[in-house]
């Protein structure tokens, strides 16, 4: 399991947002607050970074135009680094999306626009109260299908022939 520090000046944040201006502005404020910030412009970049680096905090936009969304990023972070604080922000307050974020174990759902001092406070509070989480034991669908291929084919043939 990947681990990271949360000492001042050592807290590593992954910021994911497709809006370049907003991404740069938030990154600038976070860096000025002594966080180490890595940015990603889309889900693909974020997934690569999550797979190759460790982070203490994930701050991701929910809606992104290309394949995947903030929930995909949260899920990847939870799988790779379950102890990271995960914050999802969105300009579209919707109860269903908030419920899905909670089910994916996002620590908090934030609504855009968010005041930068409030964002920094939320990050620091979440870092203090984060719990050690057990990694999720998920199995890929392909692995399940491969493992149970003979049984599945046999059951299917029985139904077709029956």
C-alpha atoms as a PDB file:
ATOM      1  CA  UNK A   1       0.000   0.000   0.000  1.00  0.00           C
ATOM      2  CA  UNK A   2       1.259   3.485  -0.815  1.00  0.00           C
ATOM      3  CA  UNK A   3       1.675   5.897   2.066  1.00  0.00           C
ATOM      4  CA  UNK A   4       2.436   9.583   2.302  1.00  0.00           C
ATOM      5  CA  UNK A   5       3.195  12.205   4.937  1.00  0.00           C
ATOM      6  CA  UNK A   6       0.892  14.948   6.113  1.00  0.00           C
ATOM      7  CA  UNK A   7       3.556  17.120   7.729  1.00  0.00           C
ATOM      8  CA  UNK A   8       3.429  20.826   6.830  1.00  0.00           C
ATOM      9  CA  UNK A   9       5.025  21.285   3.436  1.00  0.00           C
ATOM     10  CA  UNK A  10       4.872  17.545   2.811  1.00  0.00           C
ATOM     11  CA  UNK A  11       1.151  17.024   2.173  1.00  0.00           C
ATOM     12  CA  UNK A  12       0.775  15.796  -1.398  1.00  0.00           C
ATOM     13  CA  UNK A  13      -2.393  16.788  -3.220  1.00  0.00           C
ATOM     14  CA  UNK A  14      -3.645  15.528  -6.573  1.00  0.00           C
ATOM     15  CA  UNK A  15      -5.888  18.179  -8.138  1.00  0.00           C
ATOM     16  CA  UNK A  16      -8.036  17.007 -11.065  1.00  0.00           C
ATOM     17  CA  UNK A  17     -10.092  19.464 -13.117  1.00  0.00           C
ATOM     18  CA  UNK A  18     -10.610  19.905 -16.848  1.00  0.00           C
ATOM     19  CA  UNK A  19     -10.941  23.690 -16.484  1.00  0.00           C
ATOM     20  CA  UNK A  20      -7.362  24.933 -16.945  1.00  0.00           C
ATOM     21  CA  UNK A  21      -7.907  28.378 -15.418  1.00  0.00           C
ATOM     22  CA  UNK A  22      -9.598  26.978 -12.324  1.00  0.00           C
ATOM     23  CA  UNK A  23      -7.014  24.188 -11.996  1.00  0.00           C
ATOM     24  CA  UNK A  24      -4.140  26.695 -12.132  1.00  0.00           C
ATOM     25  CA  UNK A  25      -5.834  29.089  -9.681  1.00  0.00           C
ATOM     26  CA  UNK A  26      -6.558  26.376  -7.109  1.00  0.00           C
ATOM     27  CA  UNK A  27      -3.049  24.928  -7.509  1.00  0.00           C
ATOM     28  CA  UNK A  28      -1.504  28.362  -6.941  1.00  0.00           C
ATOM     29  CA  UNK A  29      -3.479  28.902  -3.733  1.00  0.00           C
ATOM     30  CA  UNK A  30      -2.724  25.405  -2.442  1.00  0.00           C
ATOM     31  CA  UNK A  31       0.997  25.801  -3.177  1.00  0.00           C
ATOM     32  CA  UNK A  32       0.993  29.161  -1.371  1.00  0.00           C
ATOM     33  CA  UNK A  33      -0.481  27.272   1.605  1.00  0.00           C
ATOM     34  CA  UNK A  34       2.566  24.950   1.570  1.00  0.00           C
ATOM     35  CA  UNK A  35       0.925  21.930  -0.063  1.00  0.00           C
ATOM     36  CA  UNK A  36       2.759  19.911  -2.717  1.00  0.00           C
ATOM     37  CA  UNK A  37       0.366  19.959  -5.676  1.00  0.00           C
ATOM     38  CA  UNK A  38       0.259  17.759  -8.758  1.00  0.00           C
ATOM     39  CA  UNK A  39      -2.410  18.511 -11.337  1.00  0.00           C
ATOM     40  CA  UNK A  40      -4.248  16.461 -13.929  1.00  0.00           C
ATOM     41  CA  UNK A  41      -6.473  17.836 -16.692  1.00  0.00           C
ATOM     42  CA  UNK A  42      -8.515  14.676 -17.222  1.00  0.00           C
ATOM     43  CA  UNK A  43      -9.355  11.257 -15.836  1.00  0.00           C
ATOM     44  CA  UNK A  44      -6.660   9.466 -17.853  1.00  0.00           C
ATOM     45  CA  UNK A  45      -3.889  11.692 -16.471  1.00  0.00           C
ATOM     46  CA  UNK A  46      -5.282  11.328 -12.959  1.00  0.00           C
ATOM     47  CA  UNK A  47      -5.395   7.528 -13.167  1.00  0.00           C
ATOM     48  CA  UNK A  48      -1.788   7.422 -14.386  1.00  0.00           C
ATOM     49  CA  UNK A  49      -0.652   9.649 -11.511  1.00  0.00           C
ATOM     50  CA  UNK A  50      -2.588   7.626  -8.930  1.00  0.00           C
ATOM     51  CA  UNK A  51      -0.978   4.472 -10.262  1.00  0.00           C
ATOM     52  CA  UNK A  52       2.573   5.862 -10.186  1.00  0.00           C
ATOM     53  CA  UNK A  53       2.689   8.268  -7.211  1.00  0.00           C
ATOM     54  CA  UNK A  54       1.308   8.532  -3.701  1.00  0.00           C
ATOM     55  CA  UNK A  55      -0.946  11.324  -2.462  1.00  0.00           C
ATOM     56  CA  UNK A  56      -2.418  12.391   0.865  1.00  0.00           C
ATOM     57  CA  UNK A  57      -5.362  14.235  -0.691  1.00  0.00           C
ATOM     58  CA  UNK A  58      -7.397  13.886  -3.865  1.00  0.00           C
ATOM     59  CA  UNK A  59      -9.349  16.963  -4.936  1.00  0.00           C
ATOM     60  CA  UNK A  60     -11.314  16.166  -8.078  1.00  0.00           C
ATOM     61  CA  UNK A  61     -14.019  17.762 -10.147  1.00  0.00           C
ATOM     62  CA  UNK A  62     -17.024  15.526 -10.642  1.00  0.00           C
ATOM     63  CA  UNK A  63     -17.904  16.377 -14.240  1.00  0.00           C
ATOM     64  CA  UNK A  64     -15.276  16.071 -16.953  1.00  0.00           C
ATOM     65  CA  UNK A  65     -15.914  15.964 -20.687  1.00  0.00           C
ATOM     66  CA  UNK A  66     -13.897  12.906 -21.707  1.00  0.00           C
ATOM     67  CA  UNK A  67     -14.270   9.271 -20.667  1.00  0.00           C
ATOM     68  CA  UNK A  68     -14.748   8.771 -16.951  1.00  0.00           C
ATOM     69  CA  UNK A  69     -15.545  11.285 -14.234  1.00  0.00           C
ATOM     70  CA  UNK A  70     -14.641  12.229 -10.699  1.00  0.00           C
ATOM     71  CA  UNK A  71     -16.184   9.030  -9.343  1.00  0.00           C
ATOM     72  CA  UNK A  72     -13.752   7.012 -11.481  1.00  0.00           C
ATOM     73  CA  UNK A  73     -10.867   8.966  -9.982  1.00  0.00           C
ATOM     74  CA  UNK A  74     -12.189   8.548  -6.407  1.00  0.00           C
ATOM     75  CA  UNK A  75     -12.601   4.824  -6.940  1.00  0.00           C
ATOM     76  CA  UNK A  76      -9.042   4.483  -8.259  1.00  0.00           C
ATOM     77  CA  UNK A  77      -7.642   6.443  -5.320  1.00  0.00           C
ATOM     78  CA  UNK A  78      -9.612   4.381  -2.800  1.00  0.00           C
ATOM     79  CA  UNK A  79      -8.336   1.190  -4.403  1.00  0.00           C
ATOM     80  CA  UNK A  80      -4.691   2.306  -4.623  1.00  0.00           C
ATOM     81  CA  UNK A  81      -4.417   4.498  -1.530  1.00  0.00           C
ATOM     82  CA  UNK A  82      -7.382   3.969   0.791  1.00  0.00           C
ATOM     83  CA  UNK A  83      -6.028   6.365   3.438  1.00  0.00           C
ATOM     84  CA  UNK A  84      -6.013   9.410   1.161  1.00  0.00           C
ATOM     85  CA  UNK A  85      -8.555  12.119   1.869  1.00  0.00           C
ATOM     86  CA  UNK A  86     -10.888  12.319  -1.122  1.00  0.00           C
ATOM     87  CA  UNK A  87     -12.779  15.504  -1.902  1.00  0.00           C
ATOM     88  CA  UNK A  88     -15.165  15.801  -4.840  1.00  0.00           C
ATOM     89  CA  UNK A  89     -16.320  19.203  -6.052  1.00  0.00           C
ATOM     90  CA  UNK A  90     -19.025  20.057  -8.510  1.00  0.00           C
ATOM     91  CA  UNK A  91     -20.835  23.065  -9.880  1.00  0.00           C
ATOM     92  CA  UNK A  92     -24.033  21.017 -10.038  1.00  0.00           C
ATOM     93  CA  UNK A  93     -25.547  20.264  -6.637  1.00  0.00           C
ATOM     94  CA  UNK A  94     -27.494  17.060  -7.108  1.00  0.00           C
ATOM     95  CA  UNK A  95     -28.635  14.750  -4.354  1.00  0.00           C
ATOM     96  CA  UNK A  96     -28.072  11.590  -6.420  1.00  0.00           C
ATOM     97  CA  UNK A  97     -24.480  12.519  -7.200  1.00  0.00           C
ATOM     98  CA  UNK A  98     -23.772  13.295  -3.552  1.00  0.00           C
ATOM     99  CA  UNK A  99     -25.211   9.923  -2.542  1.00  0.00           C
ATOM    100  CA  UNK A 100     -23.023   8.156  -5.110  1.00  0.00           C
ATOM    101  CA  UNK A 101     -19.958  10.011  -3.840  1.00  0.00           C
ATOM    102  CA  UNK A 102     -20.727   8.877  -0.308  1.00  0.00           C
ATOM    103  CA  UNK A 103     -21.106   5.301  -1.495  1.00  0.00           C
ATOM    104  CA  UNK A 104     -17.677   5.587  -3.125  1.00  0.00           C
ATOM    105  CA  UNK A 105     -16.342   6.822   0.186  1.00  0.00           C
ATOM    106  CA  UNK A 106     -15.593  10.381  -0.800  1.00  0.00           C
ATOM    107  CA  UNK A 107     -14.811  12.206   2.404  1.00  0.00           C
ATOM    108  CA  UNK A 108     -16.715  15.310   1.387  1.00  0.00           C
ATOM    109  CA  UNK A 109     -18.661  16.782  -1.527  1.00  0.00           C
ATOM    110  CA  UNK A 110     -17.949  20.478  -2.132  1.00  0.00           C
ATOM    111  CA  UNK A 111     -19.936  22.843  -4.308  1.00  0.00           C
ATOM    112  CA  UNK A 112     -18.334  25.255  -6.749  1.00  0.00           C
ATOM    113  CA  UNK A 113     -17.511  28.009  -6.364  1.00  0.00           C
ATOM    114  CA  UNK A 114     -15.734  27.389  -3.081  1.00  0.00           C
ATOM    115  CA  UNK A 115     -13.799  30.063  -1.249  1.00  0.00           C
ATOM    116  CA  UNK A 116     -10.112  29.144  -1.143  1.00  0.00           C
ATOM    117  CA  UNK A 117      -9.750  29.669   2.636  1.00  0.00           C
ATOM    118  CA  UNK A 118     -12.699  27.307   3.152  1.00  0.00           C
ATOM    119  CA  UNK A 119     -11.118  24.718   0.820  1.00  0.00           C
ATOM    120  CA  UNK A 120      -7.821  24.841   2.704  1.00  0.00           C
ATOM    121  CA  UNK A 121      -9.678  24.492   6.017  1.00  0.00           C
ATOM    122  CA  UNK A 122     -11.579  21.442   4.729  1.00  0.00           C
ATOM    123  CA  UNK A 123      -8.362  19.805   3.503  1.00  0.00           C
ATOM    124  CA  UNK A 124      -6.586  20.384   6.820  1.00  0.00           C
ATOM    125  CA  UNK A 125      -9.568  19.182   8.873  1.00  0.00           C
ATOM    126  CA  UNK A 126      -9.914  16.039   6.773  1.00  0.00           C
ATOM    127  CA  UNK A 127      -6.196  15.290   7.099  1.00  0.00           C
ATOM    128  CA  UNK A 128      -6.459  15.503  10.880  1.00  0.00           C
ATOM    129  CA  UNK A 129      -9.518  13.280  11.177  1.00  0.00           C
ATOM    130  CA  UNK A 130      -8.808  10.758   8.434  1.00  0.00           C
ATOM    131  CA  UNK A 131      -8.958   7.165   9.474  1.00  0.00           C
ATOM    132  CA  UNK A 132      -6.778   4.292   8.481  1.00  0.00           C
ATOM    133  CA  UNK A 133      -8.873   2.348   6.014  1.00  0.00           C
ATOM    134  CA  UNK A 134      -8.444  -1.200   4.924  1.00  0.00           C
ATOM    135  CA  UNK A 135      -7.779  -1.590   1.202  1.00  0.00           C
ATOM    136  CA  UNK A 136     -10.799  -2.797  -0.685  1.00  0.00           C
ATOM    137  CA  UNK A 137     -10.494  -6.341  -1.888  1.00  0.00           C
ATOM    138  CA  UNK A 138     -11.955  -5.967  -5.332  1.00  0.00           C
ATOM    139  CA  UNK A 139     -11.608  -8.455  -8.111  1.00  0.00           C
ATOM    140  CA  UNK A 140     -11.721  -7.522 -11.759  1.00  0.00           C
ATOM    141  CA  UNK A 141     -14.653  -8.821 -13.796  1.00  0.00           C
ATOM    142  CA  UNK A 142     -12.236 -10.390 -16.297  1.00  0.00           C
ATOM    143  CA  UNK A 143     -10.573 -12.393 -13.496  1.00  0.00           C
ATOM    144  CA  UNK A 144     -13.914 -13.690 -12.243  1.00  0.00           C
ATOM    145  CA  UNK A 145     -15.017 -14.653 -15.739  1.00  0.00           C
ATOM    146  CA  UNK A 146     -11.711 -16.361 -16.482  1.00  0.00           C
ATOM    147  CA  UNK A 147     -11.783 -18.286 -13.201  1.00  0.00           C
ATOM    148  CA  UNK A 148     -15.395 -19.410 -13.687  1.00  0.00           C
ATOM    149  CA  UNK A 149     -15.387 -19.762 -17.497  1.00  0.00           C
ATOM    150  CA  UNK A 150     -15.929 -23.540 -17.620  1.00  0.00           C
ATOM    151  CA  UNK A 151     -18.780 -23.446 -15.104  1.00  0.00           C
ATOM    152  CA  UNK A 152     -20.405 -20.485 -16.821  1.00  0.00           C
ATOM    153  CA  UNK A 153     -20.195 -22.102 -20.264  1.00  0.00           C
ATOM    154  CA  UNK A 154     -21.492 -25.416 -18.903  1.00  0.00           C
ATOM    155  CA  UNK A 155     -24.457 -23.702 -17.171  1.00  0.00           C
ATOM    156  CA  UNK A 156     -25.222 -21.718 -20.303  1.00  0.00           C
ATOM    157  CA  UNK A 157     -25.134 -24.815 -22.519  1.00  0.00           C
ATOM    158  CA  UNK A 158     -27.453 -26.628 -20.095  1.00  0.00           C
ATOM    159  CA  UNK A 159     -29.979 -23.797 -20.361  1.00  0.00           C
ATOM    160  CA  UNK A 160     -29.749 -23.613 -24.145  1.00  0.00           C
ATOM    161  CA  UNK A 161     -29.999 -27.381 -24.616  1.00  0.00           C
ATOM    162  CA  UNK A 162     -32.639 -27.825 -21.901  1.00  0.00           C
END
